[in-house]
C-alpha atoms as a PDB file:
ATOM      1  CA  MET A   1     128.609  76.921 106.758  1.00  0.00           C
ATOM      2  CA  SER A   2     131.417  76.888 104.200  1.00  0.00           C
ATOM      3  CA  ARG A   3     130.863  75.854 100.601  1.00  0.00           C
ATOM      4  CA  PRO A   4     132.973  72.644 100.789  1.00  0.00           C
ATOM      5  CA  VAL A   5     131.095  71.507 103.905  1.00  0.00           C
ATOM      6  CA  ARG A   6     127.800  72.129 102.152  1.00  0.00           C
ATOM      7  CA  ARG A   7     128.981  70.024  99.214  1.00  0.00           C
ATOM      8  CA  ILE A   8     129.828  67.123 101.541  1.00  0.00           C
ATOM      9  CA  LEU A   9     126.449  67.317 103.290  1.00  0.00           C
ATOM     10  CA  ALA A  10     124.645  67.469  99.954  1.00  0.00           C
ATOM     11  CA  ALA A  11     126.479  64.365  98.782  1.00  0.00           C
ATOM     12  CA  LEU A  12     125.608  62.496 101.975  1.00  0.00           C
ATOM     13  CA  ALA A  13     121.987  63.606 101.902  1.00  0.00           C
ATOM     14  CA  PRO A  14     120.967  64.180  98.247  1.00  0.00           C
ATOM     15  CA  ASP A  15     117.262  64.145  99.140  1.00  0.00           C
ATOM     16  CA  GLU A  16     117.478  67.080 101.541  1.00  0.00           C
ATOM     17  CA  PRO A  17     114.130  68.598 102.551  1.00  0.00           C
ATOM     18  CA  THR A  18     112.889  71.642 100.688  1.00  0.00           C
ATOM     19  CA  ASP A  19     112.404  75.027 102.317  1.00  0.00           C
ATOM     20  CA  ALA A  20     108.642  74.485 102.248  1.00  0.00           C
ATOM     21  CA  GLU A  21     108.983  71.155 104.085  1.00  0.00           C
ATOM     22  CA  LEU A  22     111.207  72.716 106.766  1.00  0.00           C
ATOM     23  CA  LEU A  23     108.796  75.610 107.235  1.00  0.00           C
ATOM     24  CA  SER A  24     105.892  73.178 107.503  1.00  0.00           C
ATOM     25  CA  ARG A  25     107.715  71.190 110.210  1.00  0.00           C
ATOM     26  CA  PHE A  26     108.394  74.359 112.156  1.00  0.00           C
ATOM     27  CA  ALA A  27     104.844  75.687 111.748  1.00  0.00           C
ATOM     28  CA  THR A  28     103.190  72.440 112.848  1.00  0.00           C
ATOM     29  CA  SER A  29     105.525  71.128 115.580  1.00  0.00           C
ATOM     30  CA  ARG A  30     107.874  74.037 116.408  1.00  0.00           C
ATOM     31  CA  ASP A  31     110.820  71.962 115.162  1.00  0.00           C
ATOM     32  CA  GLY A  32     113.789  74.137 116.128  1.00  0.00           C
ATOM     33  CA  GLY A  33     116.205  71.924 114.206  1.00  0.00           C
ATOM     34  CA  ALA A  34     114.268  72.443 110.976  1.00  0.00           C
ATOM     35  CA  PHE A  35     114.328  76.199 111.449  1.00  0.00           C
ATOM     36  CA  GLU A  36     118.043  76.182 112.298  1.00  0.00           C
ATOM     37  CA  LEU A  37     118.732  74.385 109.000  1.00  0.00           C
ATOM     38  CA  LEU A  38     116.763  77.106 107.200  1.00  0.00           C
ATOM     39  CA  VAL A  39     118.881  79.754 108.907  1.00  0.00           C
ATOM     40  CA  TRP A  40     122.093  77.941 107.887  1.00  0.00           C
ATOM     41  CA  ARG A  41     120.917  77.804 104.289  1.00  0.00           C
ATOM     42  CA  HIS A  42     119.956  81.448 103.926  1.00  0.00           C
ATOM     43  CA  ALA A  43     121.884  83.418 106.582  1.00  0.00           C
ATOM     44  CA  GLY A  44     124.561  84.438 104.065  1.00  0.00           C
ATOM     45  CA  LEU A  45     121.926  85.803 101.670  1.00  0.00           C
ATOM     46  CA  VAL A  46     120.131  87.746 104.408  1.00  0.00           C
ATOM     47  CA  LEU A  47     123.333  89.153 105.914  1.00  0.00           C
ATOM     48  CA  ARG A  48     124.680  90.244 102.517  1.00  0.00           C
ATOM     49  CA  THR A  49     121.361  91.932 101.695  1.00  0.00           C
ATOM     50  CA  CYS A  50     121.240  93.752 105.045  1.00  0.00           C
ATOM     51  CA  ARG A  51     124.873  94.869 104.726  1.00  0.00           C
ATOM     52  CA  GLY A  52     124.065  96.256 101.286  1.00  0.00           C
ATOM     53  CA  VAL A  53     121.781  98.753 103.043  1.00  0.00           C
ATOM     54  CA  LEU A  54     123.427  99.089 106.466  1.00  0.00           C
ATOM     55  CA  ARG A  55     127.145  99.783 106.659  1.00  0.00           C
ATOM     56  CA  ASP A  56     127.303  98.726 110.319  1.00  0.00           C
ATOM     57  CA  HIS A  57     128.156  95.090 111.062  1.00  0.00           C
ATOM     58  CA  HIS A  58     126.114  94.802 114.281  1.00  0.00           C
ATOM     59  CA  ALA A  59     123.113  96.648 112.848  1.00  0.00           C
ATOM     60  CA  ALA A  60     123.105  94.257 109.877  1.00  0.00           C
ATOM     61  CA  GLU A  61     123.121  91.227 112.203  1.00  0.00           C
ATOM     62  CA  ASP A  62     120.201  92.681 114.202  1.00  0.00           C
ATOM     63  CA  ALA A  63     118.244  93.285 110.998  1.00  0.00           C
ATOM     64  CA  ALA A  64     119.038  89.762 109.745  1.00  0.00           C
ATOM     65  CA  GLN A  65     117.827  88.206 112.984  1.00  0.00           C
ATOM     66  CA  ALA A  66     114.616  90.268 112.757  1.00  0.00           C
ATOM     67  CA  VAL A  67     114.074  88.894 109.237  1.00  0.00           C
ATOM     68  CA  PHE A  68     114.237  85.315 110.519  1.00  0.00           C
ATOM     69  CA  LEU A  69     111.839  86.164 113.376  1.00  0.00           C
ATOM     70  CA  ALA A  70     109.387  87.471 110.778  1.00  0.00           C
ATOM     71  CA  LEU A  71     109.871  84.238 108.819  1.00  0.00           C
ATOM     72  CA  ALA A  72     109.120  82.194 111.945  1.00  0.00           C
ATOM     73  CA  ARG A  73     105.886  84.078 112.592  1.00  0.00           C
ATOM     74  CA  GLN A  74     104.813  83.730 108.923  1.00  0.00           C
ATOM     75  CA  ALA A  75     106.078  80.180 108.401  1.00  0.00           C
ATOM     76  CA  GLY A  76     102.687  79.042 107.153  1.00  0.00           C
ATOM     77  CA  SER A  77     102.565  81.515 104.246  1.00  0.00           C
ATOM     78  CA  ALA A  78     106.191  82.239 103.247  1.00  0.00           C
ATOM     79  CA  GLY A  79     107.941  80.256 100.527  1.00  0.00           C
ATOM     80  CA  ARG A  80     104.872  78.494  99.166  1.00  0.00           C
ATOM     81  CA  ASP A  81     106.718  77.790  95.897  1.00  0.00           C
ATOM     82  CA  GLY A  82     109.199  75.579  97.777  1.00  0.00           C
ATOM     83  CA  ASN A  83     112.014  78.172  97.901  1.00  0.00           C
ATOM     84  CA  VAL A  84     112.110  80.988 100.448  1.00  0.00           C
ATOM     85  CA  SER A  85     115.162  82.921  99.186  1.00  0.00           C
ATOM     86  CA  GLY A  86     113.112  85.451  97.213  1.00  0.00           C
ATOM     87  CA  TRP A  87     110.858  86.138 100.204  1.00  0.00           C
ATOM     88  CA  LEU A  88     113.876  86.605 102.478  1.00  0.00           C
ATOM     89  CA  PHE A  89     115.555  88.989 100.018  1.00  0.00           C
ATOM     90  CA  ARG A  90     112.500  91.260  99.816  1.00  0.00           C
ATOM     91  CA  VAL A  91     111.904  91.276 103.572  1.00  0.00           C
ATOM     92  CA  ALA A  92     115.613  91.820 104.332  1.00  0.00           C
ATOM     93  CA  ARG A  93     115.695  94.935 102.166  1.00  0.00           C
ATOM     94  CA  ARG A  94     112.579  96.344 103.868  1.00  0.00           C
ATOM     95  CA  VAL A  95     113.811  95.597 107.395  1.00  0.00           C
ATOM     96  CA  ALA A  96     117.310  96.951 106.723  1.00  0.00           C
ATOM     97  CA  ALA A  97     115.919 100.140 105.166  1.00  0.00           C
ATOM     98  CA  ARG A  98     113.636 100.608 108.185  1.00  0.00           C
ATOM     99  CA  SER A  99     116.594 100.087 110.508  1.00  0.00           C
ATOM    100  CA  ALA A 100     118.680 102.615 108.566  1.00  0.00           C
ATOM    101  CA  ARG A 101     115.958 105.263 108.938  1.00  0.00           C
ATOM    102  CA  LYS A 102     115.874 104.707 112.699  1.00  0.00           C
ATOM    103  CA  ARG A 103     119.658 105.044 113.165  1.00  0.00           C
ATOM    104  CA  PRO A 104     120.541 108.763 113.355  1.00  0.00           C
ATOM    105  CA  VAL A 105     124.214 109.641 112.989  1.00  0.00           C
ATOM    106  CA  ALA A 106     125.441 111.251 116.202  1.00  0.00           C
ATOM    107  CA  PRO A 107     127.488 114.445 115.747  1.00  0.00           C
ATOM    108  CA  GLY A 108     131.220 114.111 116.186  1.00  0.00           C
ATOM    109  CA  ILE A 109     131.322 110.395 115.314  1.00  0.00           C
ATOM    110  CA  ASP A 110     133.354 109.462 112.265  1.00  0.00           C
ATOM    111  CA  LEU A 111     131.682 106.371 110.839  1.00  0.00           C
ATOM    112  CA  ASP A 112     134.421 106.030 108.228  1.00  0.00           C
ATOM    113  CA  GLY A 113     136.938 105.577 111.038  1.00  0.00           C
ATOM    114  CA  ARG A 114     135.199 102.511 112.421  1.00  0.00           C
ATOM    115  CA  PRO A 115     136.482  99.098 111.355  1.00  0.00           C
ATOM    116  CA  ALA A 116     134.420  98.043 108.343  1.00  0.00           C
ATOM    117  CA  PRO A 117     132.904  94.550 108.302  1.00  0.00           C
ATOM    118  CA  PRO A 118     134.170  92.080 105.713  1.00  0.00           C
ATOM    119  CA  SER A 119     132.570  93.056 102.417  1.00  0.00           C
ATOM    120  CA  VAL A 120     131.630  90.811  99.522  1.00  0.00           C
ATOM    121  CA  GLY A 121     132.204  93.606  97.050  1.00  0.00           C
ATOM    122  CA  SER A 122     134.918  96.220  96.725  1.00  0.00           C
ATOM    123  CA  ASP A 123     132.412  99.007  95.956  1.00  0.00           C
ATOM    124  CA  PRO A 124     129.470  99.427  98.375  1.00  0.00           C
ATOM    125  CA  GLU A 125     127.675 101.736  95.912  1.00  0.00           C
ATOM    126  CA  ALA A 126     127.929  99.128  93.170  1.00  0.00           C
ATOM    127  CA  GLU A 127     126.643  96.444  95.553  1.00  0.00           C
ATOM    128  CA  GLN A 128     123.676  98.652  96.424  1.00  0.00           C
ATOM    129  CA  ALA A 129     122.945  99.231  92.729  1.00  0.00           C
ATOM    130  CA  LEU A 130     123.014  95.448  92.177  1.00  0.00           C
ATOM    131  CA  HIS A 131     120.468  94.894  94.961  1.00  0.00           C
ATOM    132  CA  GLU A 132     118.162  97.571  93.561  1.00  0.00           C
ATOM    133  CA  GLU A 133     118.293  96.037  90.085  1.00  0.00           C
ATOM    134  CA  LEU A 134     117.588  92.593  91.569  1.00  0.00           C
ATOM    135  CA  THR A 135     114.346  93.932  93.041  1.00  0.00           C
ATOM    136  CA  ARG A 136     113.221  94.799  89.494  1.00  0.00           C
ATOM    137  CA  LEU A 137     113.640  91.237  88.221  1.00  0.00           C
ATOM    138  CA  PRO A 138     110.669  88.858  88.096  1.00  0.00           C
ATOM    139  CA  GLU A 139     110.858  86.205  90.813  1.00  0.00           C
ATOM    140  CA  ARG A 140     111.592  83.382  88.342  1.00  0.00           C
ATOM    141  CA  TYR A 141     114.791  85.200  87.257  1.00  0.00           C
ATOM    142  CA  ARG A 142     115.764  86.564  90.675  1.00  0.00           C
ATOM    143  CA  ALA A 143     115.612  83.203  92.480  1.00  0.00           C
ATOM    144  CA  PRO A 144     118.479  81.479  90.588  1.00  0.00           C
ATOM    145  CA  VAL A 145     120.675  84.594  90.956  1.00  0.00           C
ATOM    146  CA  LEU A 146     120.144  84.628  94.715  1.00  0.00           C
ATOM    147  CA  LEU A 147     120.770  80.901  95.071  1.00  0.00           C
ATOM    148  CA  CYS A 148     123.910  80.783  92.900  1.00  0.00           C
ATOM    149  CA  PHE A 149     125.547  84.164  93.564  1.00  0.00           C
ATOM    150  CA  PHE A 150     124.381  84.946  97.108  1.00  0.00           C
ATOM    151  CA  GLU A 151     124.255  81.423  98.567  1.00  0.00           C
ATOM    152  CA  GLY A 152     127.003  79.818  96.465  1.00  0.00           C
ATOM    153  CA  LEU A 153     124.999  76.931  94.951  1.00  0.00           C
ATOM    154  CA  THR A 154     125.778  75.325  91.619  1.00  0.00           C
ATOM    155  CA  HIS A 155     123.180  75.246  88.857  1.00  0.00           C
ATOM    156  CA  ALA A 156     122.373  71.620  89.720  1.00  0.00           C
ATOM    157  CA  GLU A 157     121.942  72.415  93.429  1.00  0.00           C
ATOM    158  CA  ALA A 158     119.778  75.444  92.641  1.00  0.00           C
ATOM    159  CA  ALA A 159     117.679  73.293  90.296  1.00  0.00           C
ATOM    160  CA  ARG A 160     117.044  70.752  93.081  1.00  0.00           C
ATOM    161  CA  ARG A 161     116.182  73.564  95.488  1.00  0.00           C
ATOM    162  CA  MET A 162     113.733  75.116  92.992  1.00  0.00           C
ATOM    163  CA  GLY A 163     112.347  71.801  91.733  1.00  0.00           C
ATOM    164  CA  VAL A 164     113.134  72.492  88.048  1.00  0.00           C
ATOM    165  CA  PRO A 165     115.574  70.991  85.489  1.00  0.00           C
ATOM    166  CA  THR A 166     119.152  72.241  85.472  1.00  0.00           C
ATOM    167  CA  GLY A 167     118.714  73.598  81.946  1.00  0.00           C
ATOM    168  CA  THR A 168     115.845  75.770  83.148  1.00  0.00           C
ATOM    169  CA  VAL A 169     118.084  77.317  85.791  1.00  0.00           C
ATOM    170  CA  ALA A 170     120.806  77.996  83.209  1.00  0.00           C
ATOM    171  CA  GLY A 171     118.329  79.624  80.834  1.00  0.00           C
ATOM    172  CA  ARG A 172     116.775  81.819  83.506  1.00  0.00           C
ATOM    173  CA  MET A 173     120.225  82.787  84.746  1.00  0.00           C
ATOM    174  CA  ALA A 174     121.260  83.919  81.257  1.00  0.00           C
ATOM    175  CA  ARG A 175     118.134  86.068  80.874  1.00  0.00           C
ATOM    176  CA  ALA A 176     118.608  87.476  84.388  1.00  0.00           C
ATOM    177  CA  LYS A 177     122.198  88.481  83.570  1.00  0.00           C
ATOM    178  CA  ASP A 178     121.050  90.220  80.384  1.00  0.00           C
ATOM    179  CA  ARG A 179     118.500  92.278  82.310  1.00  0.00           C
ATOM    180  CA  LEU A 180     120.920  93.049  85.133  1.00  0.00           C
ATOM    181  CA  ALA A 181     123.622  94.099  82.664  1.00  0.00           C
ATOM    182  CA  ALA A 182     121.237  96.527  80.972  1.00  0.00           C
ATOM    183  CA  GLY A 183     120.087  98.040  84.266  1.00  0.00           C
ATOM    184  CA  LEU A 184     123.562  98.288  85.762  1.00  0.00           C
ATOM    185  CA  THR A 185     125.016  99.824  82.586  1.00  0.00           C
ATOM    186  CA  ARG A 186     122.487 102.658  82.818  1.00  0.00           C
ATOM    187  CA  ARG A 187     123.845 103.299  86.320  1.00  0.00           C
ATOM    188  CA  GLY A 188     127.467 103.208  85.179  1.00  0.00           C
ATOM    189  CA  VAL A 189     128.136  99.878  86.940  1.00  0.00           C
ATOM    190  CA  SER A 190     129.655  96.786  85.376  1.00  0.00           C
ATOM    191  CA  LEU A 191     128.049  93.343  85.616  1.00  0.00           C
ATOM    192  CA  GLY A 192     131.306  92.257  87.251  1.00  0.00           C
ATOM    193  CA  VAL A 193     129.760  93.321  90.574  1.00  0.00           C
ATOM    194  CA  LEU A 194     127.685  90.115  90.336  1.00  0.00           C
ATOM    195  CA  THR A 195     130.176  87.639  91.778  1.00  0.00           C
ATOM    196  CA  PRO A 196     129.565  84.338  93.609  1.00  0.00           C
ATOM    197  CA  ALA A 197     130.475  85.616  97.075  1.00  0.00           C
ATOM    198  CA  VAL A 198     129.037  84.033 100.228  1.00  0.00           C
ATOM    199  CA  VAL A 199     129.075  86.064 103.440  1.00  0.00           C
ATOM    200  CA  ALA A 200     130.754  84.319 106.373  1.00  0.00           C
ATOM    201  CA  VAL A 201     128.080  83.580 108.978  1.00  0.00           C
ATOM    202  CA  PRO A 202     129.108  83.755 112.660  1.00  0.00           C
ATOM    203  CA  PRO A 203     128.986  80.228 114.152  1.00  0.00           C
ATOM    204  CA  SER A 204     126.538  81.247 116.886  1.00  0.00           C
ATOM    205  CA  PHE A 205     124.141  83.103 114.579  1.00  0.00           C
ATOM    206  CA  ALA A 206     122.040  80.147 113.387  1.00  0.00           C
ATOM    207  CA  ALA A 207     121.579  78.617 116.839  1.00  0.00           C
ATOM    208  CA  ALA A 208     120.744  82.000 118.393  1.00  0.00           C
ATOM    209  CA  ALA A 209     118.274  82.854 115.612  1.00  0.00           C
ATOM    210  CA  SER A 210     116.597  79.445 115.948  1.00  0.00           C
ATOM    211  CA  ARG A 211     116.176  79.758 119.731  1.00  0.00           C
ATOM    212  CA  ALA A 212     114.868  83.303 119.364  1.00  0.00           C
ATOM    213  CA  ALA A 213     112.398  82.172 116.667  1.00  0.00           C
ATOM    214  CA  VAL A 214     110.924  79.426 118.852  1.00  0.00           C
ATOM    215  CA  ALA A 215     110.604  81.859 121.763  1.00  0.00           C
ATOM    216  CA  PHE A 216     109.188  84.617 119.549  1.00  0.00           C
ATOM    217  CA  VAL A 217     106.476  82.415 118.080  1.00  0.00           C
ATOM    218  CA  GLY A 218     105.563  81.339 121.613  1.00  0.00           C
ATOM    219  CA  ARG A 219     105.203  85.026 122.651  1.00  0.00           C
ATOM    220  CA  ASN A 220     108.215  84.768 124.920  1.00  0.00           C
ATOM    221  CA  TYR A 221     110.205  87.907 124.167  1.00  0.00           C
ATOM    222  CA  ALA A 222     112.582  87.798 127.136  1.00  0.00           C
ATOM    223  CA  GLY A 223     115.542  86.464 125.163  1.00  0.00           C
ATOM    224  CA  VAL A 224     115.082  88.691 122.103  1.00  0.00           C
ATOM    225  CA  PRO A 225     117.140  91.923 121.982  1.00  0.00           C
ATOM    226  CA  PRO A 226     114.842  95.006 121.972  1.00  0.00           C
ATOM    227  CA  PRO A 227     116.102  96.411 118.616  1.00  0.00           C
ATOM    228  CA  VAL A 228     115.543  93.024 116.951  1.00  0.00           C
ATOM    229  CA  LEU A 229     112.109  92.654 118.542  1.00  0.00           C
ATOM    230  CA  GLU A 230     111.012  96.108 117.388  1.00  0.00           C
ATOM    231  CA  LEU A 231     112.116  95.499 113.793  1.00  0.00           C
ATOM    232  CA  ALA A 232     110.415  92.092 113.675  1.00  0.00           C
ATOM    233  CA  LYS A 233     107.129  93.372 115.108  1.00  0.00           C
ATOM    234  CA  ARG A 234     107.089  96.292 112.682  1.00  0.00           C
ATOM    235  CA  GLU A 235     107.615  94.032 109.665  1.00  0.00           C
ATOM    236  CA  ILE A 236     104.913  91.596 110.804  1.00  0.00           C
ATOM    237  CA  GLY A 237     102.500  94.478 111.433  1.00  0.00           C
ATOM    238  CA  MET A 238     103.101  95.907 107.971  1.00  0.00           C
ATOM    239  CA  ALA A 239     102.627  92.471 106.404  1.00  0.00           C
ATOM    240  CA  PHE A 240      99.295  92.110 108.212  1.00  0.00           C
ATOM    241  CA  THR A 241      98.210  95.548 107.010  1.00  0.00           C
ATOM    242  CA  ARG A 242      99.061  94.692 103.394  1.00  0.00           C
ATOM    243  CA  ARG A 243      97.072  91.458 103.585  1.00  0.00           C
ATOM    244  CA  ALA A 244      94.108  93.195 105.251  1.00  0.00           C
ATOM    245  CA  LEU A 245      94.063  95.936 102.631  1.00  0.00           C
ATOM    246  CA  SER A 246      94.227  93.360  99.845  1.00  0.00           C
ATOM    247  CA  LEU A 247      91.343  91.385 101.360  1.00  0.00           C
ATOM    248  CA  CYS A 248      89.366  94.595 101.816  1.00  0.00           C
ATOM    249  CA  ALA A 249      89.845  95.492  98.149  1.00  0.00           C
ATOM    250  CA  VAL A 250      88.732  92.015  97.046  1.00  0.00           C
ATOM    251  CA  ALA A 251      85.717  92.116  99.365  1.00  0.00           C
ATOM    252  CA  SER A 252      84.704  95.550  98.075  1.00  0.00           C
ATOM    253  CA  ALA A 253      84.955  94.369  94.468  1.00  0.00           C
ATOM    254  CA  VAL A 254      82.846  91.290  95.192  1.00  0.00           C
ATOM    255  CA  CYS A 255      80.290  93.377  97.084  1.00  0.00           C
ATOM    256  CA  VAL A 256      79.963  95.865  94.234  1.00  0.00           C
ATOM    257  CA  SER A 257      79.722  93.073  91.660  1.00  0.00           C
ATOM    258  CA  LEU A 258      76.999  91.214  93.548  1.00  0.00           C
ATOM    259  CA  THR A 259      75.025  94.336  94.419  1.00  0.00           C
ATOM    260  CA  PHE A 260      75.023  96.038  91.050  1.00  0.00           C
ATOM    261  CA  GLY A 261      75.013  92.981  88.770  1.00  0.00           C
ATOM    262  CA  LEU A 262      77.770  93.996  86.358  1.00  0.00           C
ATOM    263  CA  ARG A 263      76.444  93.790  82.817  1.00  0.00           C
ATOM    264  CA  THR A 264      78.701  91.990  80.351  1.00  0.00           C
ATOM    265  CA  GLY A 265      78.246  90.408  76.960  1.00  0.00           C
ATOM    266  CA  ALA A 266      75.870  91.399  74.209  1.00  0.00           C
ATOM    267  CA  GLN A 267      72.817  93.562  74.859  1.00  0.00           C
ATOM    268  CA  PRO A 268      69.363  92.042  74.192  1.00  0.00           C
ATOM    269  CA  PRO A 269      67.766  93.035  70.880  1.00  0.00           C
ATOM    270  CA  ALA A 270      66.087  96.420  71.019  1.00  0.00           C
ATOM    271  CA  VAL A 271      62.292  96.428  71.055  1.00  0.00           C
ATOM    272  CA  PRO A 272      60.785  99.066  68.722  1.00  0.00           C
ATOM    273  CA  VAL A 273      58.822 101.702  70.635  1.00  0.00           C
ATOM    274  CA  PRO A 274      55.599 103.007  69.089  1.00  0.00           C
ATOM    275  CA  VAL A 275      55.775 106.664  68.152  1.00  0.00           C
ATOM    276  CA  ALA A 276      52.623 107.514  70.024  1.00  0.00           C
ATOM    277  CA  GLN A 277      53.822 105.928  73.262  1.00  0.00           C
ATOM    278  CA  VAL A 278      54.340 108.443  76.019  1.00  0.00           C
ATOM    279  CA  GLN A 279      57.289 107.588  78.221  1.00  0.00           C
ATOM    280  CA  ASP A 280      57.335 108.266  81.920  1.00  0.00           C
ATOM    281  CA  PRO A 281      59.739 110.966  83.041  1.00  0.00           C
ATOM    282  CA  ALA A 282      63.147 109.582  84.019  1.00  0.00           C
ATOM    283  CA  GLU A 283      63.563 108.926  87.715  1.00  0.00           C
ATOM    284  CA  PRO A 284      66.358 111.055  89.173  1.00  0.00           C
ATOM    285  CA  PRO A 285      69.406 109.052  90.335  1.00  0.00           C
ATOM    286  CA  PRO A 286      70.002 108.608  94.083  1.00  0.00           C
ATOM    287  CA  SER A 287      72.074 111.271  95.786  1.00  0.00           C
ATOM    288  CA  VAL A 288      75.751 110.794  96.567  1.00  0.00           C
ATOM    289  CA  VAL A 289      76.415 108.853  99.786  1.00  0.00           C
ATOM    290  CA  ALA A 290      79.639 109.994 101.457  1.00  0.00           C
ATOM    291  CA  GLY A 291      81.372 108.629 104.561  1.00  0.00           C
ATOM    292  CA  LYS A 292      84.661 109.422 106.268  1.00  0.00           C
ATOM    293  CA  THR A 293      86.682 107.280 103.866  1.00  0.00           C
ATOM    294  CA  PHE A 294      84.382 106.573 100.893  1.00  0.00           C
ATOM    295  CA  ALA A 295      81.829 108.007  98.509  1.00  0.00           C
ATOM    296  CA  VAL A 296      79.169 106.173  96.431  1.00  0.00           C
ATOM    297  CA  VAL A 297      78.511 108.139  93.237  1.00  0.00           C
ATOM    298  CA  GLY A 298      76.050 107.250  90.499  1.00  0.00           C
ATOM    299  CA  VAL A 299      77.099 106.765  86.843  1.00  0.00           C
ATOM    300  CA  THR A 300      74.402 108.742  85.014  1.00  0.00           C
ATOM    301  CA  THR A 301      75.746 109.959  81.649  1.00  0.00           C
ATOM    302  CA  GLU A 302      77.077 108.330  78.516  1.00  0.00           C
ATOM    303  CA  LEU A 303      80.225 110.461  78.815  1.00  0.00           C
ATOM    304  CA  GLN A 304      81.000 108.901  82.216  1.00  0.00           C
ATOM    305  CA  ARG A 305      80.412 105.402  80.890  1.00  0.00           C
ATOM    306  CA  LYS A 306      82.608 106.069  77.861  1.00  0.00           C
ATOM    307  CA  HIS A 307      85.570 107.380  79.839  1.00  0.00           C
ATOM    308  CA  LEU A 308      85.312 105.208  82.978  1.00  0.00           C
ATOM    309  CA  PHE A 309      84.257 101.854  81.552  1.00  0.00           C
ATOM    310  CA  ARG A 310      84.145  99.770  78.385  1.00  0.00           C
ATOM    311  CA  ASP A 311      82.195  96.511  78.421  1.00  0.00           C
ATOM    312  CA  VAL A 312      81.251  96.747  82.113  1.00  0.00           C
ATOM    313  CA  VAL A 313      78.560  99.292  82.944  1.00  0.00           C
ATOM    314  CA  PRO A 314      77.851  99.590  86.696  1.00  0.00           C
ATOM    315  CA  ALA A 315      75.194 101.838  88.180  1.00  0.00           C
ATOM    316  CA  ALA A 316      77.623 103.542  90.556  1.00  0.00           C
ATOM    317  CA  VAL A 317      81.260 103.934  91.506  1.00  0.00           C
ATOM    318  CA  VAL A 318      82.753 103.527  95.006  1.00  0.00           C
ATOM    319  CA  TYR A 319      85.688 105.816  95.776  1.00  0.00           C
ATOM    320  CA  MET A 320      87.899 104.748  98.730  1.00  0.00           C
ATOM    321  CA  ASP A 321      90.371 106.960 100.650  1.00  0.00           C
ATOM    322  CA  GLY A 322      93.285 104.592 101.332  1.00  0.00           C
ATOM    323  CA  SER A 323      95.345 107.163 103.234  1.00  0.00           C
ATOM    324  CA  ALA A 324      92.549 107.658 105.775  1.00  0.00           C
ATOM    325  CA  LEU A 325      92.126 103.916 106.228  1.00  0.00           C
ATOM    326  CA  LEU A 326      95.862 103.513 106.925  1.00  0.00           C
ATOM    327  CA  ARG A 327      96.539 106.376 109.321  1.00  0.00           C
ATOM    328  CA  ASN A 328      97.918 103.752 111.674  1.00  0.00           C
ATOM    329  CA  PRO A 329     100.500 101.783 109.616  1.00  0.00           C
ATOM    330  CA  LYS A 330     100.042  98.722 111.845  1.00  0.00           C
ATOM    331  CA  ALA A 331      96.272  98.222 111.440  1.00  0.00           C
ATOM    332  CA  LEU A 332      93.302  99.057 109.225  1.00  0.00           C
ATOM    333  CA  ASP A 333      90.919 101.701 110.603  1.00  0.00           C
ATOM    334  CA  LEU A 334      87.714  99.679 110.377  1.00  0.00           C
ATOM    335  CA  GLU A 335      85.756 102.324 112.293  1.00  0.00           C
ATOM    336  CA  ALA A 336      86.606 104.919 109.640  1.00  0.00           C
ATOM    337  CA  LEU A 337      85.485 102.484 106.910  1.00  0.00           C
ATOM    338  CA  ASP A 338      81.896 102.638 108.327  1.00  0.00           C
ATOM    339  CA  PHE A 339      80.485  99.451 106.785  1.00  0.00           C
ATOM    340  CA  PRO A 340      76.766 100.177 107.671  1.00  0.00           C
ATOM    341  CA  ARG A 341      76.788 103.500 105.829  1.00  0.00           C
ATOM    342  CA  LEU A 342      78.657 101.962 102.891  1.00  0.00           C
ATOM    343  CA  GLN A 343      76.036  99.208 102.679  1.00  0.00           C
ATOM    344  CA  ASP A 344      73.234 101.799 102.790  1.00  0.00           C
ATOM    345  CA  GLY A 345      74.843 103.643  99.884  1.00  0.00           C
ATOM    346  CA  LEU A 346      75.156 100.463  97.859  1.00  0.00           C
ATOM    347  CA  MET A 347      71.531  99.446  98.472  1.00  0.00           C
ATOM    348  CA  ARG A 348      70.317 102.723  96.936  1.00  0.00           C
ATOM    349  CA  TYR A 349      71.664 101.613  93.575  1.00  0.00           C
ATOM    350  CA  ARG A 350      70.177  98.122  93.502  1.00  0.00           C
ATOM    351  CA  VAL A 351      69.398  97.169  89.888  1.00  0.00           C
ATOM    352  CA  LYS A 352      65.725  97.075  88.932  1.00  0.00           C
ATOM    353  CA  LYS A 353      64.166  95.142  86.056  1.00  0.00           C
ATOM    354  CA  GLY A 354      65.144  96.432  82.660  1.00  0.00           C
ATOM    355  CA  PRO A 355      68.336  98.048  81.356  1.00  0.00           C
ATOM    356  CA  ASN A 356      70.893  99.009  83.965  1.00  0.00           C
ATOM    357  CA  THR A 357      71.223 102.814  84.021  1.00  0.00           C
END
């Protein structure tokens, strides 16, 4: 969709739905029209990002379509802040990089001799440096850059899309340019690489991506090209693994907190002990409990408490082997986690009455 056409549509429909509203319509009623509008809005951004990694026109289109399939499957969680451009940029870079690793260069083929796709920048290396510096920006600064320079919106249009005042967009844009200029200068690249250039989207791309998204969410993969399907499934599997690992970490922290009763705040006043009182010999700490992917180790000395903790003094520490839990990049190895043995190790350190040692 060209920039003048987008201006006309914005003037005719100033109260256009937000990205979050379109995703909600697609997630709840499989509204293909809502998803096609999302594709029209952001296809230029996704294609430019994929072409910044992949130098092949067709490979970039396959990667871009896989990004929108991943968006369709995760429509309920993506773009919760009302704007999905930042999410699409991050996923597009991951999918394109994964596609580049899976595309070996056949001997005897001169890639430089192939017709190059239309480029938004004269220097591919400078464009790649720009994308890498954009990944280092906080989301509040990256979003206006993507909307204005990758999707061709004005400050006012970007402000409506983000739900903030126009002055806020201008201020964030200025700070984003300062950070980008510093990062690009260290790489020997001028900020001039940041130009408002919108990639021309093939007319059939949005409709094809929308149909494929509806079919993909309905588990009908017949109309999805195999390379696109593989890239989309891999991205969704990795996203599930990241969420599962995050939930596992939170659950482990809660379990440890509830089991050991983390001690915070001031200590109770010390009770003087009579000199003649004979104290019972100290009870030895429980032995180390080790599983395939974890170990429960007691905290028994003041030196350990001093170097491992400050105000929080637990009775034990749980060490987790993340690499063993993620041998399969698509799923968490719950069998290797061995929850019963982990629970047994935690129960050995249950806090008794009195100071927590």
